[in-house]
């Protein structure tokens, strides 16, 4: 038994908060995530601080907002000078390990990711993406190429292989060769070897996978686990689409480009069914990780966090994936945590942010939180204090158009206070204001509604103050000069 608890952070990609059976989804089966929630806590309203991968992961790892760590969009490496949770725990005596997708470094121009001393991780094996066009030399694809070459093209070029009437495809790749399986297998190998060598030293493990990111595909039996006929199509209202500014209309998914004869409703039924299969496959592999910890008798000494970097619109409001879409489908992610010092079977409904994960974990293992961390620890809630952690939650993205057309760059900032969400598009004549009490589906934009003028001004003021607080540097001076 180690002196301090071990920590495992399992981070998926594109996973919505509501696609869990413990979150009362009517169809999806996630027994192992339910099992984790039953012996820990689940955060009902955990919001990300950026709508896309790299900035959000940087916020999880550093406990700081994108405007502070400067990864405001995909395509910017996390500065090596920024202190991650791995740095902090390594300095506190932990052995730190990372398996799979960390995605705080760009995959262009084909970097060689360090296997040691990578953003505070002592030991790493990498698979930032599984696409051969983007990350052809990662450790997962190298394993497939060397030991299971017959499946390499199907895995590495999945984006090219999409067929049929869904935004993904079925695959003949066996489940044991999936990236999910590889991440869990390598994670257990890392843990077992470390436990044999240094059983008294606590460890931090980051385990990151690509799924349920597009292209939406899951190995059997998960790929056929859900019948599209049972799936409810996404809510899409014509009046909402017509009211969008040109940039949002341009991004809306209104036609299936591969086969215009297939109704979009059917496309989304099929895609949602596959997305659910991907999540159930993640759940199955996550269960094997839990079983492995049980077999190594580490469960009682290990804090486990399951989360994701952002959600997926899944056709809601006419959008797919994520980008400048400020709706709960993209903004809310799973937040399930169990282990020593954590109450069992509780659901916290207050507002929470991904930047809170780092200080919470550090608090739970009694390691001081660095001054630059901006998140707030949930530890008071776990010991029975009903303190409100956040009055509002903040999300931003500084999206740059790939064609370098400044007119289509969108710098978007938002807060949600539990009833109202304001979405501010910098230097644009449009914006969004939603009233969750009177419009829980967020289909009516109140931005130009004179009846909401006072609320709009109040929310703009809150947003401005939040941005200023987020940008304020911590004062760590020891003297005036």
Protein backbone atom coordinates (compact mmCIF):
# COMPACT_ATOMS: atom_id res chain seq x y z
CA UNK A 1 0.00 0.00 0.00
CA UNK A 2 1.36 3.44 -0.96
CA UNK A 3 1.54 6.32 1.49
CA UNK A 4 -0.86 8.47 -0.56
CA UNK A 5 -3.72 7.32 -2.80
CA UNK A 6 -3.01 6.56 -6.43
CA UNK A 7 -4.88 8.62 -9.04
CA UNK A 8 -6.29 7.51 -12.41
CA UNK A 9 -7.77 10.04 -14.84
CA UNK A 10 -9.62 8.33 -17.70
CA UNK A 11 -10.44 10.91 -20.37
CA UNK A 12 -12.51 10.20 -23.47
CA UNK A 13 -13.21 12.54 -26.40
CA UNK A 14 -16.57 13.91 -27.56
CA UNK A 15 -18.54 12.22 -24.75
CA UNK A 16 -21.74 13.94 -23.68
CA UNK A 17 -22.81 13.97 -20.05
CA UNK A 18 -26.30 12.63 -20.69
CA UNK A 19 -25.33 9.43 -22.55
CA UNK A 20 -24.95 7.36 -19.38
CA UNK A 21 -27.46 5.02 -17.80
CA UNK A 22 -26.63 6.49 -14.38
CA UNK A 23 -27.62 9.89 -15.86
CA UNK A 24 -31.02 8.31 -16.70
CA UNK A 25 -30.55 7.96 -20.44
CA UNK A 26 -33.49 5.77 -21.50
CA UNK A 27 -31.55 3.33 -23.72
CA UNK A 28 -27.80 3.36 -23.27
CA UNK A 29 -26.10 0.71 -21.13
CA UNK A 30 -23.03 1.77 -19.13
CA UNK A 31 -22.90 -0.70 -16.22
CA UNK A 32 -19.25 -0.07 -15.33
CA UNK A 33 -19.58 3.71 -15.20
CA UNK A 34 -22.71 3.15 -13.13
CA UNK A 35 -20.59 0.93 -10.89
CA UNK A 36 -18.05 3.72 -10.45
CA UNK A 37 -20.80 6.26 -9.73
CA UNK A 38 -22.37 3.94 -7.14
CA UNK A 39 -19.20 3.93 -5.08
CA UNK A 40 -18.40 7.60 -5.65
CA UNK A 41 -19.91 10.88 -6.79
CA UNK A 42 -21.28 12.05 -10.12
CA UNK A 43 -21.34 15.69 -11.14
CA UNK A 44 -24.58 16.47 -12.95
CA UNK A 45 -23.46 19.85 -14.28
CA UNK A 46 -19.77 19.64 -15.20
CA UNK A 47 -18.94 22.17 -17.93
CA UNK A 48 -15.84 22.41 -20.10
CA UNK A 49 -13.87 25.63 -20.51
CA UNK A 50 -13.43 25.28 -24.26
CA UNK A 51 -15.57 23.52 -26.84
CA UNK A 52 -12.71 21.67 -28.58
CA UNK A 53 -10.02 19.15 -27.72
CA UNK A 54 -6.62 20.72 -27.11
CA UNK A 55 -7.73 23.78 -25.10
CA UNK A 56 -10.08 21.73 -22.95
CA UNK A 57 -7.45 19.09 -22.17
CA UNK A 58 -4.95 21.82 -21.32
CA UNK A 59 -7.48 23.23 -18.84
CA UNK A 60 -8.05 19.82 -17.25
CA UNK A 61 -4.33 19.23 -16.84
CA UNK A 62 -3.37 22.73 -15.62
CA UNK A 63 -6.51 23.87 -13.77
CA UNK A 64 -6.38 27.15 -15.72
CA UNK A 65 -8.59 28.79 -18.33
CA UNK A 66 -7.64 28.87 -22.04
CA UNK A 67 -7.09 32.64 -21.96
CA UNK A 68 -4.43 31.99 -19.29
CA UNK A 69 -2.67 28.88 -20.65
CA UNK A 70 -2.97 30.34 -24.21
CA UNK A 71 -4.25 27.16 -25.92
CA UNK A 72 -7.38 28.94 -27.15
CA UNK A 73 -7.98 26.70 -30.17
CA UNK A 74 -6.64 23.48 -31.65
CA UNK A 75 -3.26 24.06 -33.23
CA UNK A 76 -1.42 25.61 -30.29
CA UNK A 77 0.88 23.53 -28.10
CA UNK A 78 0.54 23.84 -24.35
CA UNK A 79 3.60 25.85 -23.25
CA UNK A 80 6.17 23.55 -21.68
CA UNK A 81 6.56 26.06 -18.86
CA UNK A 82 2.96 25.52 -17.71
CA UNK A 83 2.66 23.32 -14.65
CA UNK A 84 0.35 20.31 -15.05
CA UNK A 85 -1.07 18.00 -12.42
CA UNK A 86 1.64 15.55 -13.47
CA UNK A 87 4.37 18.06 -12.61
CA UNK A 88 2.83 18.74 -9.21
CA UNK A 89 2.33 15.10 -8.27
CA UNK A 90 5.74 14.07 -9.62
CA UNK A 91 7.33 16.70 -7.38
CA UNK A 92 5.26 15.31 -4.49
CA UNK A 93 6.75 11.84 -4.96
CA UNK A 94 4.33 10.23 -7.43
CA UNK A 95 5.32 8.12 -10.42
CA UNK A 96 3.43 9.72 -13.30
CA UNK A 97 2.30 7.83 -16.40
CA UNK A 98 0.33 8.70 -19.56
CA UNK A 99 -1.21 6.27 -22.01
CA UNK A 100 -2.92 7.18 -25.28
CA UNK A 101 -4.40 10.56 -26.07
CA UNK A 102 -3.19 13.57 -24.10
CA UNK A 103 -3.50 15.93 -27.11
CA UNK A 104 -1.77 18.97 -25.69
CA UNK A 105 0.76 18.90 -28.56
CA UNK A 106 -0.17 19.30 -32.23
CA UNK A 107 0.15 16.26 -34.47
CA UNK A 108 1.71 18.42 -37.20
CA UNK A 109 4.44 18.37 -38.36
CA UNK A 110 4.77 14.75 -37.20
CA UNK A 111 6.43 15.32 -33.83
CA UNK A 112 8.25 12.57 -31.96
CA UNK A 113 6.49 12.55 -28.62
CA UNK A 114 8.82 12.02 -25.69
CA UNK A 115 8.39 8.75 -23.81
CA UNK A 116 9.76 10.38 -20.65
CA UNK A 117 9.40 13.79 -19.02
CA UNK A 118 6.40 14.72 -21.16
CA UNK A 119 4.57 17.60 -19.43
CA UNK A 120 5.45 16.11 -16.07
CA UNK A 121 4.77 12.47 -16.98
CA UNK A 122 7.70 10.18 -16.17
CA UNK A 123 6.54 7.45 -18.54
CA UNK A 124 4.40 7.64 -21.68
CA UNK A 125 3.09 5.65 -24.61
CA UNK A 126 1.30 7.84 -27.13
CA UNK A 127 -1.65 7.69 -29.50
CA UNK A 128 -2.89 11.22 -30.00
CA UNK A 129 -5.21 10.10 -32.80
CA UNK A 130 -5.59 6.84 -34.67
CA UNK A 131 -5.61 8.42 -38.12
CA UNK A 132 -2.69 7.42 -40.33
CA UNK A 133 -2.96 10.68 -42.24
CA UNK A 134 -2.41 12.71 -39.08
CA UNK A 135 -0.40 10.69 -36.56
CA UNK A 136 1.09 7.74 -38.47
CA UNK A 137 3.93 6.94 -36.07
CA UNK A 138 2.07 6.79 -32.79
CA UNK A 139 2.56 3.77 -30.54
CA UNK A 140 -0.92 2.34 -31.11
CA UNK A 141 -0.67 2.39 -34.90
CA UNK A 142 2.89 1.07 -34.72
CA UNK A 143 1.57 -1.91 -32.73
CA UNK A 144 -1.20 -2.51 -35.25
CA UNK A 145 1.22 -2.21 -38.18
CA UNK A 146 3.71 -4.64 -36.64
CA UNK A 147 1.39 -7.26 -35.17
CA UNK A 148 -1.96 -6.94 -36.94
CA UNK A 149 -1.08 -5.44 -40.32
CA UNK A 150 -4.19 -6.83 -42.00
CA UNK A 151 -6.28 -4.32 -40.04
CA UNK A 152 -4.00 -1.32 -40.38
CA UNK A 153 -5.77 0.41 -43.28
CA UNK A 154 -9.20 -0.09 -41.74
CA UNK A 155 -8.02 1.53 -38.52
CA UNK A 156 -5.61 4.19 -39.75
CA UNK A 157 -7.75 5.43 -42.63
CA UNK A 158 -11.18 5.16 -41.06
CA UNK A 159 -12.09 8.64 -42.26
CA UNK A 160 -11.66 7.50 -45.86
CA UNK A 161 -13.66 4.35 -45.33
CA UNK A 162 -16.95 5.91 -44.24
CA UNK A 163 -19.83 4.39 -46.15
CA UNK A 164 -23.55 3.98 -45.79
CA UNK A 165 -26.22 6.22 -44.34
CA UNK A 166 -24.53 7.45 -41.19
CA UNK A 167 -21.72 9.83 -40.32
CA UNK A 168 -19.47 6.84 -39.66
CA UNK A 169 -19.31 3.18 -40.62
CA UNK A 170 -19.29 -0.36 -39.34
CA UNK A 171 -15.92 -2.04 -38.96
CA UNK A 172 -14.61 -5.59 -39.03
CA UNK A 173 -11.75 -4.72 -36.66
CA UNK A 174 -11.96 -7.03 -33.60
CA UNK A 175 -12.75 -5.27 -30.36
CA UNK A 176 -9.45 -6.36 -28.80
CA UNK A 177 -7.61 -4.31 -31.45
CA UNK A 178 -9.53 -1.10 -30.82
CA UNK A 179 -7.80 1.93 -29.37
CA UNK A 180 -10.01 1.65 -26.29
CA UNK A 181 -8.74 -1.88 -25.66
CA UNK A 182 -5.13 -0.85 -26.34
CA UNK A 183 -5.33 2.07 -23.87
CA UNK A 184 -6.76 -0.11 -21.12
CA UNK A 185 -4.30 -2.95 -21.81
CA UNK A 186 -1.27 -0.65 -21.75
CA UNK A 187 -2.58 1.12 -18.65
CA UNK A 188 -2.84 -2.14 -16.75
CA UNK A 189 0.65 -3.12 -17.91
CA UNK A 190 2.05 0.20 -16.66
CA UNK A 191 0.31 -0.15 -13.31
CA UNK A 192 1.33 -3.77 -12.81
CA UNK A 193 5.00 -3.12 -13.61
CA UNK A 194 5.10 -0.06 -11.38
CA UNK A 195 3.39 -1.92 -8.56
CA UNK A 196 5.93 -4.74 -8.79
CA UNK A 197 8.87 -2.35 -8.80
CA UNK A 198 7.73 0.36 -6.35
CA UNK A 199 4.60 -0.74 -4.47
CA UNK A 200 5.05 1.94 -1.82
CA UNK A 201 5.20 4.80 -4.35
CA UNK A 202 1.83 6.24 -5.41
CA UNK A 203 1.15 6.73 -9.10
CA UNK A 204 -0.79 9.06 -11.35
CA UNK A 205 -2.10 7.53 -14.57
CA UNK A 206 -3.65 9.54 -17.40
CA UNK A 207 -5.49 7.18 -19.76
CA UNK A 208 -6.86 8.93 -22.84
CA UNK A 209 -8.76 7.47 -25.75
CA UNK A 210 -10.14 8.86 -29.02
CA UNK A 211 -13.70 7.50 -28.83
CA UNK A 212 -16.53 8.41 -29.08
CA UNK A 213 -15.02 10.97 -31.48
CA UNK A 214 -15.87 10.78 -35.17
CA UNK A 215 -15.63 8.82 -37.40
CA UNK A 216 -18.41 7.13 -35.48
CA UNK A 217 -17.66 3.42 -35.51
CA UNK A 218 -17.49 0.68 -32.94
CA UNK A 219 -16.36 -2.95 -33.19
CA UNK A 220 -18.90 -5.71 -32.83
CA UNK A 221 -20.93 -6.47 -30.86
CA UNK A 222 -21.03 -2.79 -29.90
CA UNK A 223 -21.52 -1.52 -33.46
CA UNK A 224 -24.90 -3.29 -33.68
CA UNK A 225 -25.86 -3.02 -30.02
CA UNK A 226 -28.54 -0.36 -30.53
CA UNK A 227 -31.34 -0.40 -33.09
CA UNK A 228 -31.65 2.93 -34.94
CA UNK A 229 -35.42 2.44 -34.96
CA UNK A 230 -35.40 2.85 -31.18
CA UNK A 231 -33.43 6.11 -31.28
CA UNK A 232 -35.12 9.48 -30.91
CA UNK A 233 -33.96 11.89 -33.64
CA UNK A 234 -32.44 15.19 -32.52
CA UNK A 235 -34.61 18.23 -31.93
CA UNK A 236 -34.37 20.44 -35.01
CA UNK A 237 -36.69 23.43 -35.53
CA UNK A 238 -36.87 25.25 -38.86
CA UNK A 239 -37.48 28.65 -37.27
CA UNK A 240 -34.34 28.26 -35.19
CA UNK A 241 -32.26 27.47 -38.28
CA UNK A 242 -33.68 30.43 -40.19
CA UNK A 243 -32.83 32.79 -37.32
CA UNK A 244 -29.14 31.81 -37.26
CA UNK A 245 -26.53 34.29 -38.52
CA UNK A 246 -24.80 33.29 -41.75
CA UNK A 247 -21.81 31.66 -40.03
CA UNK A 248 -23.99 29.29 -37.98
CA UNK A 249 -26.15 28.53 -41.01
CA UNK A 250 -22.97 27.63 -42.91
CA UNK A 251 -22.00 25.15 -40.19
CA UNK A 252 -25.46 23.59 -39.83
CA UNK A 253 -25.86 20.00 -41.02
CA UNK A 254 -28.97 20.05 -43.18
CA UNK A 255 -28.06 17.55 -45.91
CA UNK A 256 -26.18 14.26 -45.99
CA UNK A 257 -23.47 14.95 -48.53
CA UNK A 258 -22.82 11.30 -49.43
CA UNK A 259 -26.35 10.44 -50.38
CA UNK A 260 -28.85 13.31 -50.59
CA UNK A 261 -31.69 10.82 -51.00
CA UNK A 262 -31.32 9.62 -47.42
CA UNK A 263 -33.34 11.72 -44.95
CA UNK A 264 -31.22 13.43 -42.33
CA UNK A 265 -33.51 12.04 -39.63
CA UNK A 266 -32.42 8.52 -40.58
CA UNK A 267 -28.78 9.56 -40.75
CA UNK A 268 -28.99 10.88 -37.20
CA UNK A 269 -30.84 7.82 -35.88
CA UNK A 270 -28.09 5.60 -37.29
CA UNK A 271 -25.27 7.85 -36.13
CA UNK A 272 -26.67 8.15 -32.61
CA UNK A 273 -27.03 4.37 -32.41
CA UNK A 274 -23.35 3.95 -33.37
CA UNK A 275 -22.29 6.70 -30.94
CA UNK A 276 -24.08 4.87 -28.16
CA UNK A 277 -22.35 1.65 -29.16
CA UNK A 278 -18.99 3.41 -28.94
CA UNK A 279 -19.77 4.60 -25.42
CA UNK A 280 -20.88 1.12 -24.35
CA UNK A 281 -17.61 -0.24 -25.77
CA UNK A 282 -15.66 2.35 -23.74
CA UNK A 283 -17.67 1.29 -20.71
CA UNK A 284 -16.81 -2.37 -21.30
CA UNK A 285 -13.09 -1.64 -21.51
CA UNK A 286 -13.25 0.71 -18.53
CA UNK A 287 -14.78 -2.19 -16.61
CA UNK A 288 -11.69 -4.25 -17.44
CA UNK A 289 -9.55 -1.49 -15.95
CA UNK A 290 -11.66 -1.59 -12.77
CA UNK A 291 -11.39 -5.39 -12.68
CA UNK A 292 -7.63 -5.17 -13.08
CA UNK A 293 -7.36 -2.82 -10.13
CA UNK A 294 -9.47 -5.22 -8.08
CA UNK A 295 -7.19 -8.13 -9.00
CA UNK A 296 -4.10 -6.12 -8.03
CA UNK A 297 -5.84 -5.09 -4.78
CA UNK A 298 -5.42 -1.42 -5.59
CA UNK A 299 -9.05 -0.32 -5.71
CA UNK A 300 -9.25 0.84 -2.11
CA UNK A 301 -6.07 2.90 -2.53
CA UNK A 302 -6.92 4.55 -5.84
CA UNK A 303 -8.92 7.64 -6.76
CA UNK A 304 -10.50 7.23 -10.20
CA UNK A 305 -11.86 10.09 -12.28
CA UNK A 306 -13.80 9.52 -15.50
CA UNK A 307 -14.40 12.56 -17.70
CA UNK A 308 -14.19 13.88 -21.28
CA UNK A 309 -12.84 16.96 -23.03
CA UNK A 310 -16.19 18.06 -24.49
CA UNK A 311 -19.45 16.65 -25.80
CA UNK A 312 -21.02 16.25 -29.23
CA UNK A 313 -24.09 17.99 -30.62
CA UNK A 314 -25.36 14.76 -32.25
CA UNK A 315 -27.59 16.71 -34.64
CA UNK A 316 -29.23 18.91 -32.01
CA UNK A 317 -29.91 22.47 -33.14
CA UNK A 318 -28.79 21.32 -36.65
CA UNK A 319 -25.16 20.85 -35.61
CA UNK A 320 -22.78 17.91 -35.51
CA UNK A 321 -19.65 17.51 -33.43
CA UNK A 322 -18.42 20.66 -31.70
CA UNK A 323 -17.03 24.05 -32.59
CA UNK A 324 -18.75 27.34 -31.83
CA UNK A 325 -21.89 25.60 -30.57
CA UNK A 326 -22.68 26.70 -27.03
CA UNK A 327 -25.31 24.17 -26.00
CA UNK A 328 -25.28 21.56 -23.26
CA UNK A 329 -24.72 18.73 -25.75
CA UNK A 330 -21.24 20.12 -26.47
CA UNK A 331 -20.51 21.80 -23.12
CA UNK A 332 -21.46 19.22 -20.48
CA UNK A 333 -19.30 16.14 -19.87
CA UNK A 334 -19.29 13.19 -17.48
CA UNK A 335 -17.67 13.80 -14.11
CA UNK A 336 -17.54 10.61 -12.03
CA UNK A 337 -15.05 10.24 -9.21
CA UNK A 338 -14.57 7.49 -6.62
CA UNK A 339 -11.94 6.45 -4.13
CA UNK A 340 -10.52 7.27 -0.68
CA UNK A 341 -12.07 10.37 0.86
CA UNK A 342 -14.99 10.47 -1.59
CA UNK A 343 -18.59 9.81 -0.47
CA UNK A 344 -20.49 6.99 -2.12
CA UNK A 345 -23.55 7.11 -4.35
CA UNK A 346 -24.01 10.88 -4.38
CA UNK A 347 -24.94 13.20 -7.22
CA UNK A 348 -23.90 16.84 -7.02
CA UNK A 349 -26.12 19.18 -9.00
CA UNK A 350 -24.29 22.48 -8.52
CA UNK A 351 -22.32 24.12 -11.30
CA UNK A 352 -18.81 22.75 -11.82
CA UNK A 353 -15.96 23.35 -14.28
CA UNK A 354 -13.24 21.13 -15.74
CA UNK A 355 -10.59 23.40 -14.22
CA UNK A 356 -11.83 22.15 -10.84
CA UNK A 357 -10.61 18.61 -11.47
CA UNK A 358 -6.92 19.30 -10.79
CA UNK A 359 -7.35 21.14 -7.45
CA UNK A 360 -9.94 18.60 -6.29
CA UNK A 361 -7.60 15.69 -6.91
CA UNK A 362 -4.70 17.48 -5.25
CA UNK A 363 -6.86 18.27 -2.21
CA UNK A 364 -7.92 14.64 -1.93
CA UNK A 365 -4.30 13.49 -1.70
CA UNK A 366 -3.21 16.42 0.52
CA UNK A 367 -0.85 17.96 -2.03
CA UNK A 368 -0.77 21.80 -2.06
CA UNK A 369 -2.53 23.44 -4.98
CA UNK A 370 -0.23 25.81 -6.95
CA UNK A 371 -1.10 29.51 -6.75
CA UNK A 372 -1.68 29.77 -10.50
CA UNK A 373 -4.49 27.19 -10.51
CA UNK A 374 -7.82 28.89 -11.18
CA UNK A 375 -10.21 25.99 -10.58
CA UNK A 376 -11.93 25.42 -7.26
CA UNK A 377 -11.73 22.23 -5.25
CA UNK A 378 -14.91 20.22 -4.74
CA UNK A 379 -13.50 18.77 -1.52
CA UNK A 380 -15.79 20.90 0.71
CA UNK A 381 -18.82 19.28 -0.94
CA UNK A 382 -17.36 15.85 -0.36
CA UNK A 383 -17.07 16.43 3.38
CA UNK A 384 -20.64 17.68 3.69
CA UNK A 385 -20.26 21.45 3.24
CA UNK A 386 -23.09 22.80 1.09
CA UNK A 387 -20.95 25.67 -0.20
CA UNK A 388 -21.75 26.82 -3.74
CA UNK A 389 -18.54 26.25 -5.69
CA UNK A 390 -19.49 28.36 -8.74
CA UNK A 391 -22.15 31.01 -9.29
CA UNK A 392 -21.62 30.58 -13.03
CA UNK A 393 -19.55 28.52 -15.45
CA UNK A 394 -17.37 29.92 -18.22
CA UNK A 395 -16.51 28.62 -21.69
CA UNK A 396 -14.61 30.19 -24.56
CA UNK A 397 -13.21 29.38 -27.97
CA UNK A 398 -11.13 31.45 -30.33
CA UNK A 399 -11.90 29.71 -33.60
CA UNK A 400 -9.75 30.52 -36.61
CA UNK A 401 -11.05 29.76 -40.08
CA UNK A 402 -8.83 27.27 -41.86
CA UNK A 403 -8.80 29.38 -45.04
CA UNK A 404 -7.28 32.33 -43.16
CA UNK A 405 -10.38 34.41 -43.86
CA UNK A 406 -10.50 36.88 -40.96
CA UNK A 407 -14.14 37.60 -41.63
CA UNK A 408 -15.00 34.03 -40.58
CA UNK A 409 -12.85 33.92 -37.46
CA UNK A 410 -15.09 33.60 -34.42
CA UNK A 411 -13.94 34.47 -30.91
CA UNK A 412 -16.76 33.36 -28.64
CA UNK A 413 -17.18 33.74 -24.87
CA UNK A 414 -20.00 32.48 -22.69
CA UNK A 415 -21.23 32.06 -19.14
CA UNK A 416 -24.16 30.12 -17.71
CA UNK A 417 -25.51 30.96 -14.25
CA UNK A 418 -27.97 28.09 -13.86
CA UNK A 419 -30.85 29.88 -15.57
CA UNK A 420 -29.45 32.13 -18.31
CA UNK A 421 -26.70 31.48 -20.82
CA UNK A 422 -25.17 34.33 -22.78
CA UNK A 423 -22.99 33.64 -25.82
CA UNK A 424 -20.98 36.65 -26.97
CA UNK A 425 -19.47 36.63 -30.46
CA UNK A 426 -16.64 39.16 -30.42
CA UNK A 427 -17.06 42.09 -32.85
CA UNK A 428 -20.28 40.67 -34.31
CA UNK A 429 -23.78 42.19 -34.46
CA UNK A 430 -25.29 38.95 -33.22
CA UNK A 431 -25.18 36.86 -30.06
CA UNK A 432 -27.26 34.35 -28.11
CA UNK A 433 -29.20 34.54 -24.87
CA UNK A 434 -31.14 31.56 -23.56
CA UNK A 435 -33.59 31.29 -20.68
CA UNK A 436 -33.47 27.71 -19.40
CA UNK A 437 -36.57 28.13 -17.24
CA UNK A 438 -38.87 29.14 -20.08
CA UNK A 439 -37.00 27.37 -22.88
CA UNK A 440 -35.09 24.36 -21.50
CA UNK A 441 -34.27 23.15 -25.00
CA UNK A 442 -32.60 26.48 -25.88
CA UNK A 443 -34.46 26.90 -29.16
CA UNK A 444 -35.44 30.56 -28.68
CA UNK A 445 -32.67 33.14 -28.83
CA UNK A 446 -33.60 36.13 -26.62
CA UNK A 447 -30.65 38.31 -27.73
CA UNK A 448 -32.86 40.87 -29.48
CA UNK A 449 -35.96 40.37 -27.33
CA UNK A 450 -36.77 43.73 -25.64
CA UNK A 451 -38.32 41.85 -22.72
CA UNK A 452 -34.86 40.45 -21.94
CA UNK A 453 -32.87 43.66 -22.40
CA UNK A 454 -32.18 43.96 -18.67
CA UNK A 455 -31.15 40.31 -18.38
CA UNK A 456 -28.90 40.68 -21.43
CA UNK A 457 -27.10 43.65 -19.87
CA UNK A 458 -26.73 41.85 -16.55
CA UNK A 459 -25.29 38.77 -18.23
CA UNK A 460 -22.92 40.86 -20.35
CA UNK A 461 -21.63 42.49 -17.18
CA UNK A 462 -21.17 39.09 -15.53
CA UNK A 463 -19.31 37.82 -18.58
CA UNK A 464 -17.03 40.86 -18.72
CA UNK A 465 -16.16 40.51 -15.03
CA UNK A 466 -15.53 36.78 -15.46
CA UNK A 467 -13.16 37.35 -18.40
CA UNK A 468 -11.27 39.96 -16.38
CA UNK A 469 -10.96 37.63 -13.39
CA UNK A 470 -9.78 34.80 -15.61
CA UNK A 471 -7.09 37.00 -17.12
CA UNK A 472 -5.86 38.37 -13.81
CA UNK A 473 -2.45 36.99 -12.87
CA UNK A 474 -1.92 35.65 -9.34
CA UNK A 475 0.07 37.96 -7.10
CA UNK A 476 2.99 35.88 -5.82
CA UNK A 477 5.31 38.78 -4.95
CA UNK A 478 7.17 38.61 -1.66
CA UNK A 479 7.74 42.38 -1.52
CA UNK A 480 6.53 45.56 -3.20
CA UNK A 481 9.52 45.83 -5.54
